[in-house]
Amino acid sequence: MRTEILRYLEKNSRVDLGELAVLLGTDEATIANEIADMEKEKIICGYHTLIDWDKTGEESVTALIEVRVTPQRDLGFDRIAERIYNFPEVTAVYLISGAYDFLIILEGKTLKEVSRFVSEKLSPIEPVLSTATHFILKKYKDHGTILAPQKKAERMLVMP
């Protein structure tokens, strides 16, 4: 039952407990207790609200930064990741495979603010060898939710 609860919560963390109980064929108290237990066990680490900031008029920039590093002896990548994720601007840090070691997601108000972070805070970290910054220009789908459906004219331009 835990897996089913998690799948529903992952798609909509505001799902009504009564609805969830009916869908899973149990009572609301059982669902509430399972959720509370998973929160205590840190299986559920938090709840995410998806906001389309483009519609709010607030200026914001999201950047994906690829970082290549030299792993530290006996510590691997963990110590470097910790130094990076402790910066308040950093939204997420992932160890990835491929040409780069880390993928960092960063939120800023302007391109200049993100550039300043990379040059003044990220690049000076000794094990950092190189970075590549990519700015998100438009979100079409995020966390399973379609944010910018194509307009009819845009669909017609797509060739099979």
N, C-alpha and C. Protein backbone atom coordinates (compact mmCIF):
# COMPACT_ATOMS: atom_id res chain seq x y z
N MET A 1 0.82 -1.20 0.00
CA MET A 1 0.00 0.00 0.00
C MET A 1 0.86 1.26 0.00
N ARG A 2 2.04 1.20 0.62
CA ARG A 2 2.91 2.37 0.68
C ARG A 2 3.26 2.88 -0.72
N THR A 3 3.59 1.95 -1.61
CA THR A 3 3.97 2.35 -2.96
C THR A 3 2.82 3.07 -3.65
N GLU A 4 1.62 2.58 -3.49
CA GLU A 4 0.45 3.23 -4.11
C GLU A 4 0.25 4.62 -3.53
N ILE A 5 0.38 4.76 -2.22
CA ILE A 5 0.24 6.08 -1.59
C ILE A 5 1.28 7.03 -2.16
N LEU A 6 2.52 6.58 -2.24
CA LEU A 6 3.60 7.42 -2.74
C LEU A 6 3.36 7.84 -4.19
N ARG A 7 2.86 6.92 -5.00
CA ARG A 7 2.58 7.27 -6.40
C ARG A 7 1.51 8.35 -6.51
N TYR A 8 0.46 8.26 -5.70
CA TYR A 8 -0.57 9.30 -5.72
C TYR A 8 -0.02 10.62 -5.21
N LEU A 9 0.73 10.59 -4.12
CA LEU A 9 1.28 11.83 -3.54
C LEU A 9 2.29 12.48 -4.48
N GLU A 10 3.03 11.68 -5.21
CA GLU A 10 4.02 12.23 -6.13
C GLU A 10 3.36 13.04 -7.23
N LYS A 11 2.18 12.61 -7.66
CA LYS A 11 1.46 13.33 -8.71
C LYS A 11 0.66 14.51 -8.15
N ASN A 12 0.16 14.38 -6.90
CA ASN A 12 -0.63 15.44 -6.30
C ASN A 12 -0.53 15.34 -4.78
N SER A 13 0.35 16.14 -4.20
CA SER A 13 0.55 16.07 -2.75
C SER A 13 -0.64 16.60 -1.96
N ARG A 14 -1.58 17.22 -2.63
CA ARG A 14 -2.77 17.75 -1.95
C ARG A 14 -3.98 16.84 -2.12
N VAL A 15 -3.75 15.60 -2.52
CA VAL A 15 -4.86 14.67 -2.69
C VAL A 15 -5.60 14.52 -1.36
N ASP A 16 -6.90 14.48 -1.41
CA ASP A 16 -7.73 14.34 -0.22
C ASP A 16 -7.53 12.95 0.36
N LEU A 17 -7.29 12.87 1.68
CA LEU A 17 -7.06 11.57 2.32
C LEU A 17 -8.27 10.65 2.19
N GLY A 18 -9.46 11.22 2.23
CA GLY A 18 -10.67 10.42 2.06
C GLY A 18 -10.73 9.79 0.68
N GLU A 19 -10.41 10.59 -0.35
CA GLU A 19 -10.38 10.07 -1.73
C GLU A 19 -9.35 8.96 -1.86
N LEU A 20 -8.19 9.20 -1.28
CA LEU A 20 -7.11 8.22 -1.36
C LEU A 20 -7.50 6.93 -0.66
N ALA A 21 -8.19 7.04 0.46
CA ALA A 21 -8.65 5.85 1.18
C ALA A 21 -9.62 5.03 0.32
N VAL A 22 -10.54 5.72 -0.34
CA VAL A 22 -11.51 5.03 -1.21
C VAL A 22 -10.78 4.36 -2.38
N LEU A 23 -9.86 5.10 -3.00
CA LEU A 23 -9.11 4.55 -4.14
C LEU A 23 -8.32 3.30 -3.76
N LEU A 24 -7.80 3.27 -2.52
CA LEU A 24 -6.97 2.16 -2.09
C LEU A 24 -7.73 1.12 -1.26
N GLY A 25 -9.02 1.35 -1.08
CA GLY A 25 -9.85 0.38 -0.38
C GLY A 25 -9.53 0.23 1.10
N THR A 26 -9.25 1.33 1.76
CA THR A 26 -8.96 1.31 3.20
C THR A 26 -9.59 2.53 3.85
N ASP A 27 -9.29 2.77 5.12
CA ASP A 27 -9.88 3.93 5.80
C ASP A 27 -8.87 5.08 5.86
N GLU A 28 -9.40 6.27 6.10
CA GLU A 28 -8.61 7.49 6.12
C GLU A 28 -7.53 7.47 7.20
N ALA A 29 -7.82 6.90 8.36
CA ALA A 29 -6.85 6.84 9.45
C ALA A 29 -5.63 6.01 9.06
N THR A 30 -5.86 4.91 8.36
CA THR A 30 -4.75 4.06 7.92
C THR A 30 -3.84 4.84 6.97
N ILE A 31 -4.45 5.57 6.04
CA ILE A 31 -3.68 6.38 5.08
C ILE A 31 -2.89 7.45 5.83
N ALA A 32 -3.54 8.17 6.75
CA ALA A 32 -2.87 9.22 7.52
C ALA A 32 -1.71 8.66 8.32
N ASN A 33 -1.88 7.50 8.94
CA ASN A 33 -0.81 6.89 9.72
C ASN A 33 0.36 6.46 8.84
N GLU A 34 0.06 5.89 7.68
CA GLU A 34 1.12 5.48 6.76
C GLU A 34 1.93 6.69 6.30
N ILE A 35 1.23 7.77 5.97
CA ILE A 35 1.92 8.99 5.52
C ILE A 35 2.79 9.53 6.66
N ALA A 36 2.26 9.58 7.87
CA ALA A 36 3.03 10.07 9.02
C ALA A 36 4.27 9.21 9.26
N ASP A 37 4.10 7.90 9.15
CA ASP A 37 5.25 6.99 9.33
C ASP A 37 6.31 7.23 8.26
N MET A 38 5.87 7.41 7.01
CA MET A 38 6.84 7.64 5.92
C MET A 38 7.53 8.99 6.06
N GLU A 39 6.85 9.97 6.63
CA GLU A 39 7.50 11.25 6.90
C GLU A 39 8.57 11.09 7.98
N LYS A 40 8.25 10.35 9.04
CA LYS A 40 9.23 10.11 10.12
C LYS A 40 10.44 9.34 9.62
N GLU A 41 10.20 8.39 8.71
CA GLU A 41 11.29 7.57 8.16
C GLU A 41 12.05 8.29 7.05
N LYS A 42 11.65 9.50 6.72
CA LYS A 42 12.26 10.31 5.66
C LYS A 42 12.12 9.68 4.28
N ILE A 43 11.10 8.83 4.11
CA ILE A 43 10.75 8.34 2.77
C ILE A 43 10.08 9.50 2.03
N ILE A 44 9.17 10.19 2.72
CA ILE A 44 8.60 11.43 2.21
C ILE A 44 9.44 12.54 2.81
N CYS A 45 10.16 13.24 1.94
CA CYS A 45 11.13 14.24 2.41
C CYS A 45 10.58 15.66 2.36
N GLY A 46 9.43 15.85 1.78
CA GLY A 46 8.86 17.18 1.67
C GLY A 46 7.77 17.16 0.62
N TYR A 47 7.12 18.28 0.47
CA TYR A 47 6.05 18.42 -0.51
C TYR A 47 6.39 19.57 -1.44
N HIS A 48 6.08 19.39 -2.70
CA HIS A 48 6.50 20.35 -3.73
C HIS A 48 5.26 21.01 -4.34
N THR A 49 5.31 22.32 -4.43
CA THR A 49 4.26 23.05 -5.12
C THR A 49 4.82 23.51 -6.46
N LEU A 50 4.16 23.17 -7.53
CA LEU A 50 4.61 23.53 -8.87
C LEU A 50 3.98 24.86 -9.25
N ILE A 51 4.81 25.85 -9.53
CA ILE A 51 4.34 27.19 -9.86
C ILE A 51 4.87 27.56 -11.24
N ASP A 52 4.02 28.08 -12.09
CA ASP A 52 4.45 28.58 -13.39
C ASP A 52 4.79 30.06 -13.20
N TRP A 53 6.05 30.33 -12.89
CA TRP A 53 6.49 31.69 -12.57
C TRP A 53 6.33 32.63 -13.76
N ASP A 54 6.31 32.10 -14.97
CA ASP A 54 6.12 32.96 -16.14
C ASP A 54 4.78 33.69 -16.09
N LYS A 55 3.81 33.10 -15.44
CA LYS A 55 2.47 33.70 -15.37
C LYS A 55 2.32 34.68 -14.20
N THR A 56 3.32 34.80 -13.35
CA THR A 56 3.21 35.68 -12.18
C THR A 56 3.76 37.07 -12.42
N GLY A 57 4.54 37.24 -13.48
CA GLY A 57 5.17 38.52 -13.73
C GLY A 57 6.47 38.69 -12.96
N GLU A 58 6.83 37.73 -12.13
CA GLU A 58 8.09 37.78 -11.38
C GLU A 58 9.23 37.36 -12.30
N GLU A 59 10.32 38.11 -12.26
CA GLU A 59 11.48 37.75 -13.05
C GLU A 59 12.29 36.70 -12.30
N SER A 60 12.61 35.64 -13.01
CA SER A 60 13.39 34.56 -12.41
C SER A 60 14.08 33.78 -13.51
N VAL A 61 15.25 33.25 -13.18
CA VAL A 61 16.05 32.49 -14.14
C VAL A 61 16.39 31.16 -13.50
N THR A 62 16.20 30.08 -14.25
CA THR A 62 16.62 28.76 -13.80
C THR A 62 17.75 28.31 -14.70
N ALA A 63 18.84 27.86 -14.07
CA ALA A 63 19.99 27.41 -14.84
C ALA A 63 20.34 25.98 -14.46
N LEU A 64 20.77 25.22 -15.46
CA LEU A 64 21.32 23.89 -15.24
C LEU A 64 22.82 24.04 -15.45
N ILE A 65 23.59 23.68 -14.45
CA ILE A 65 25.04 23.85 -14.54
C ILE A 65 25.70 22.48 -14.44
N GLU A 66 26.44 22.14 -15.49
CA GLU A 66 27.21 20.90 -15.48
C GLU A 66 28.58 21.22 -14.90
N VAL A 67 29.03 20.37 -13.97
CA VAL A 67 30.30 20.63 -13.29
C VAL A 67 31.17 19.38 -13.36
N ARG A 68 32.40 19.55 -13.81
CA ARG A 68 33.38 18.48 -13.80
C ARG A 68 34.33 18.74 -12.65
N VAL A 69 34.61 17.71 -11.85
CA VAL A 69 35.47 17.88 -10.67
C VAL A 69 36.50 16.76 -10.59
N THR A 70 37.48 16.97 -9.72
CA THR A 70 38.41 15.92 -9.35
C THR A 70 37.94 15.39 -8.00
N PRO A 71 37.52 14.12 -7.93
CA PRO A 71 37.05 13.59 -6.65
C PRO A 71 38.16 13.63 -5.60
N GLN A 72 37.79 13.88 -4.37
CA GLN A 72 38.76 13.94 -3.29
C GLN A 72 39.08 12.55 -2.77
N ARG A 73 40.34 12.32 -2.48
CA ARG A 73 40.79 11.03 -1.97
C ARG A 73 40.02 10.68 -0.70
N ASP A 74 39.54 9.46 -0.63
CA ASP A 74 38.80 8.90 0.50
C ASP A 74 37.43 9.53 0.73
N LEU A 75 37.10 10.60 0.02
CA LEU A 75 35.80 11.25 0.21
C LEU A 75 34.94 11.20 -1.04
N GLY A 76 35.55 10.90 -2.18
CA GLY A 76 34.80 10.83 -3.42
C GLY A 76 34.15 12.15 -3.76
N PHE A 77 32.90 12.07 -4.16
CA PHE A 77 32.16 13.25 -4.59
C PHE A 77 31.34 13.88 -3.47
N ASP A 78 31.14 13.18 -2.38
CA ASP A 78 30.22 13.63 -1.35
C ASP A 78 30.60 14.98 -0.73
N ARG A 79 31.85 15.16 -0.40
CA ARG A 79 32.28 16.43 0.24
C ARG A 79 32.11 17.61 -0.70
N ILE A 80 32.42 17.40 -1.98
CA ILE A 80 32.26 18.48 -2.97
C ILE A 80 30.77 18.80 -3.13
N ALA A 81 29.95 17.77 -3.23
CA ALA A 81 28.50 17.97 -3.36
C ALA A 81 27.97 18.76 -2.16
N GLU A 82 28.45 18.42 -0.98
CA GLU A 82 28.00 19.12 0.23
C GLU A 82 28.35 20.60 0.18
N ARG A 83 29.56 20.91 -0.27
CA ARG A 83 29.95 22.33 -0.38
C ARG A 83 29.03 23.07 -1.35
N ILE A 84 28.67 22.39 -2.43
CA ILE A 84 27.84 23.03 -3.44
C ILE A 84 26.39 23.16 -2.96
N TYR A 85 25.81 22.10 -2.39
CA TYR A 85 24.39 22.18 -2.03
C TYR A 85 24.12 23.07 -0.83
N ASN A 86 25.15 23.49 -0.11
CA ASN A 86 24.96 24.40 1.01
C ASN A 86 24.77 25.86 0.59
N PHE A 87 25.03 26.18 -0.68
CA PHE A 87 24.75 27.53 -1.16
C PHE A 87 23.23 27.70 -1.28
N PRO A 88 22.67 28.78 -0.74
CA PRO A 88 21.21 28.94 -0.76
C PRO A 88 20.62 29.07 -2.17
N GLU A 89 21.40 29.49 -3.14
CA GLU A 89 20.91 29.64 -4.51
C GLU A 89 20.68 28.29 -5.18
N VAL A 90 21.34 27.26 -4.68
CA VAL A 90 21.29 25.94 -5.32
C VAL A 90 20.00 25.23 -4.93
N THR A 91 19.23 24.83 -5.93
CA THR A 91 17.98 24.12 -5.73
C THR A 91 18.19 22.62 -5.63
N ALA A 92 19.11 22.08 -6.47
CA ALA A 92 19.35 20.64 -6.49
C ALA A 92 20.77 20.36 -6.97
N VAL A 93 21.32 19.24 -6.50
CA VAL A 93 22.63 18.76 -6.95
C VAL A 93 22.50 17.27 -7.21
N TYR A 94 22.90 16.84 -8.40
CA TYR A 94 22.83 15.43 -8.78
C TYR A 94 24.21 14.96 -9.22
N LEU A 95 24.63 13.78 -8.79
CA LEU A 95 25.80 13.11 -9.34
C LEU A 95 25.32 12.39 -10.59
N ILE A 96 25.96 12.66 -11.72
CA ILE A 96 25.48 12.11 -12.99
C ILE A 96 26.60 11.37 -13.70
N SER A 97 26.23 10.57 -14.68
CA SER A 97 27.22 9.90 -15.51
C SER A 97 27.40 10.72 -16.78
N GLY A 98 28.52 10.52 -17.45
CA GLY A 98 28.75 11.22 -18.71
C GLY A 98 29.96 12.12 -18.62
N ALA A 99 29.96 13.16 -19.43
CA ALA A 99 31.11 14.06 -19.53
C ALA A 99 31.30 14.91 -18.28
N TYR A 100 30.24 15.11 -17.51
CA TYR A 100 30.32 15.92 -16.30
C TYR A 100 29.95 15.07 -15.10
N ASP A 101 30.36 15.52 -13.92
CA ASP A 101 30.12 14.76 -12.69
C ASP A 101 28.84 15.19 -11.97
N PHE A 102 28.59 16.48 -11.93
CA PHE A 102 27.42 17.00 -11.22
C PHE A 102 26.52 17.79 -12.17
N LEU A 103 25.23 17.72 -11.89
CA LEU A 103 24.27 18.61 -12.51
C LEU A 103 23.67 19.42 -11.37
N ILE A 104 23.80 20.73 -11.47
CA ILE A 104 23.30 21.63 -10.44
C ILE A 104 22.15 22.43 -11.02
N ILE A 105 21.08 22.54 -10.27
CA ILE A 105 19.97 23.40 -10.67
C ILE A 105 20.01 24.61 -9.76
N LEU A 106 19.99 25.78 -10.38
CA LEU A 106 20.19 27.03 -9.66
C LEU A 106 19.07 28.00 -10.01
N GLU A 107 18.57 28.71 -9.03
CA GLU A 107 17.55 29.74 -9.25
C GLU A 107 18.18 31.10 -8.99
N GLY A 108 17.90 32.06 -9.86
CA GLY A 108 18.39 33.43 -9.67
C GLY A 108 17.40 34.41 -10.24
N LYS A 109 17.62 35.68 -9.95
CA LYS A 109 16.72 36.72 -10.47
C LYS A 109 17.11 37.14 -11.89
N THR A 110 18.42 37.09 -12.20
CA THR A 110 18.89 37.53 -13.51
C THR A 110 19.99 36.60 -14.02
N LEU A 111 20.28 36.70 -15.32
CA LEU A 111 21.38 35.94 -15.90
C LEU A 111 22.69 36.35 -15.25
N LYS A 112 22.82 37.64 -14.97
CA LYS A 112 24.04 38.16 -14.35
C LYS A 112 24.24 37.57 -12.96
N GLU A 113 23.17 37.42 -12.21
CA GLU A 113 23.25 36.83 -10.87
C GLU A 113 23.73 35.38 -10.94
N VAL A 114 23.22 34.62 -11.89
CA VAL A 114 23.64 33.23 -12.07
C VAL A 114 25.11 33.19 -12.50
N SER A 115 25.49 34.05 -13.43
CA SER A 115 26.88 34.10 -13.89
C SER A 115 27.82 34.44 -12.75
N ARG A 116 27.41 35.38 -11.91
CA ARG A 116 28.22 35.76 -10.75
C ARG A 116 28.39 34.58 -9.79
N PHE A 117 27.32 33.81 -9.59
CA PHE A 117 27.41 32.63 -8.72
C PHE A 117 28.45 31.66 -9.26
N VAL A 118 28.38 31.38 -10.56
CA VAL A 118 29.31 30.42 -11.16
C VAL A 118 30.75 30.92 -11.05
N SER A 119 30.98 32.18 -11.36
CA SER A 119 32.35 32.69 -11.38
C SER A 119 32.92 32.97 -9.99
N GLU A 120 32.08 33.39 -9.04
CA GLU A 120 32.59 33.80 -7.72
C GLU A 120 32.46 32.72 -6.65
N LYS A 121 31.51 31.81 -6.79
CA LYS A 121 31.30 30.82 -5.74
C LYS A 121 31.61 29.39 -6.19
N LEU A 122 31.19 29.03 -7.38
CA LEU A 122 31.34 27.65 -7.83
C LEU A 122 32.74 27.37 -8.40
N SER A 123 33.18 28.18 -9.33
CA SER A 123 34.47 27.96 -9.99
C SER A 123 35.66 27.98 -9.03
N PRO A 124 35.67 28.83 -8.00
CA PRO A 124 36.82 28.84 -7.08
C PRO A 124 36.97 27.60 -6.19
N ILE A 125 35.97 26.73 -6.15
CA ILE A 125 36.10 25.51 -5.34
C ILE A 125 37.21 24.68 -5.96
N GLU A 126 38.23 24.35 -5.17
CA GLU A 126 39.46 23.73 -5.69
C GLU A 126 39.24 22.52 -6.59
N PRO A 127 38.41 21.53 -6.23
CA PRO A 127 38.27 20.36 -7.10
C PRO A 127 37.50 20.61 -8.41
N VAL A 128 36.87 21.80 -8.56
CA VAL A 128 36.11 22.09 -9.78
C VAL A 128 37.06 22.33 -10.95
N LEU A 129 36.91 21.52 -11.99
CA LEU A 129 37.75 21.62 -13.19
C LEU A 129 37.11 22.48 -14.27
N SER A 130 35.80 22.31 -14.47
CA SER A 130 35.11 23.09 -15.50
C SER A 130 33.61 23.12 -15.23
N THR A 131 32.96 24.10 -15.84
CA THR A 131 31.50 24.23 -15.72
C THR A 131 30.92 24.55 -17.10
N ALA A 132 29.67 24.21 -17.28
CA ALA A 132 28.91 24.61 -18.47
C ALA A 132 27.52 24.99 -17.99
N THR A 133 27.10 26.20 -18.29
CA THR A 133 25.82 26.72 -17.80
C THR A 133 24.81 26.74 -18.93
N HIS A 134 23.62 26.21 -18.65
CA HIS A 134 22.51 26.19 -19.60
C HIS A 134 21.32 26.87 -18.92
N PHE A 135 20.71 27.82 -19.59
CA PHE A 135 19.55 28.52 -19.03
C PHE A 135 18.26 27.93 -19.59
N ILE A 136 17.29 27.73 -18.74
CA ILE A 136 15.98 27.24 -19.18
C ILE A 136 15.22 28.43 -19.75
N LEU A 137 14.86 28.33 -21.00
CA LEU A 137 14.16 29.42 -21.68
C LEU A 137 12.65 29.30 -21.56
N LYS A 138 12.15 28.06 -21.58
CA LYS A 138 10.71 27.85 -21.47
C LYS A 138 10.48 26.44 -20.96
N LYS A 139 9.55 26.29 -20.04
CA LYS A 139 9.19 24.96 -19.53
C LYS A 139 7.92 24.52 -20.22
N TYR A 140 7.96 23.31 -20.77
CA TYR A 140 6.79 22.74 -21.41
C TYR A 140 6.09 21.75 -20.48
N LYS A 141 6.89 21.02 -19.72
CA LYS A 141 6.34 20.04 -18.79
C LYS A 141 7.29 19.97 -17.60
N ASP A 142 6.74 19.96 -16.39
CA ASP A 142 7.56 19.91 -15.18
C ASP A 142 6.85 19.06 -14.15
N HIS A 143 7.57 18.12 -13.56
CA HIS A 143 7.00 17.21 -12.55
C HIS A 143 5.71 16.55 -13.05
N GLY A 144 5.70 16.21 -14.34
CA GLY A 144 4.56 15.51 -14.92
C GLY A 144 3.40 16.40 -15.33
N THR A 145 3.51 17.70 -15.10
CA THR A 145 2.44 18.62 -15.43
C THR A 145 2.80 19.44 -16.66
N ILE A 146 1.90 19.49 -17.65
CA ILE A 146 2.12 20.28 -18.85
C ILE A 146 1.88 21.74 -18.51
N LEU A 147 2.90 22.58 -18.75
CA LEU A 147 2.81 24.00 -18.41
C LEU A 147 2.50 24.87 -19.62
N ALA A 148 3.02 24.49 -20.77
CA ALA A 148 2.86 25.33 -21.96
C ALA A 148 2.40 24.46 -23.12
N PRO A 149 1.10 24.18 -23.19
CA PRO A 149 0.62 23.36 -24.31
C PRO A 149 0.84 24.11 -25.62
N GLN A 150 1.12 23.33 -26.66
CA GLN A 150 1.34 23.94 -27.96
C GLN A 150 0.04 24.53 -28.49
N LYS A 151 0.18 25.66 -29.16
CA LYS A 151 -0.98 26.26 -29.82
C LYS A 151 -1.19 25.52 -31.14
N LYS A 152 -2.38 25.63 -31.67
CA LYS A 152 -2.73 24.91 -32.89
C LYS A 152 -1.74 25.20 -34.02
N ALA A 153 -1.34 26.44 -34.21
CA ALA A 153 -0.42 26.79 -35.28
C ALA A 153 0.94 26.14 -35.06
N GLU A 154 1.40 26.04 -33.80
CA GLU A 154 2.69 25.42 -33.50
C GLU A 154 2.64 23.94 -33.82
N ARG A 155 1.52 23.27 -33.54
CA ARG A 155 1.39 21.84 -33.83
C ARG A 155 1.45 21.57 -35.33
N MET A 156 0.91 22.50 -36.11
CA MET A 156 0.88 22.30 -37.55
C MET A 156 2.27 22.39 -38.16
N LEU A 157 3.20 23.10 -37.53
CA LEU A 157 4.53 23.28 -38.06
C LEU A 157 5.43 22.08 -37.82
N VAL A 158 5.05 21.18 -36.92
CA VAL A 158 5.87 20.02 -36.59
C VAL A 158 5.76 18.98 -37.70
N MET A 159 6.91 18.57 -38.24
CA MET A 159 6.92 17.57 -39.29
C MET A 159 7.10 16.19 -38.67
N PRO A 160 6.39 15.16 -39.20
CA PRO A 160 6.56 13.81 -38.66
C PRO A 160 7.91 13.21 -39.04
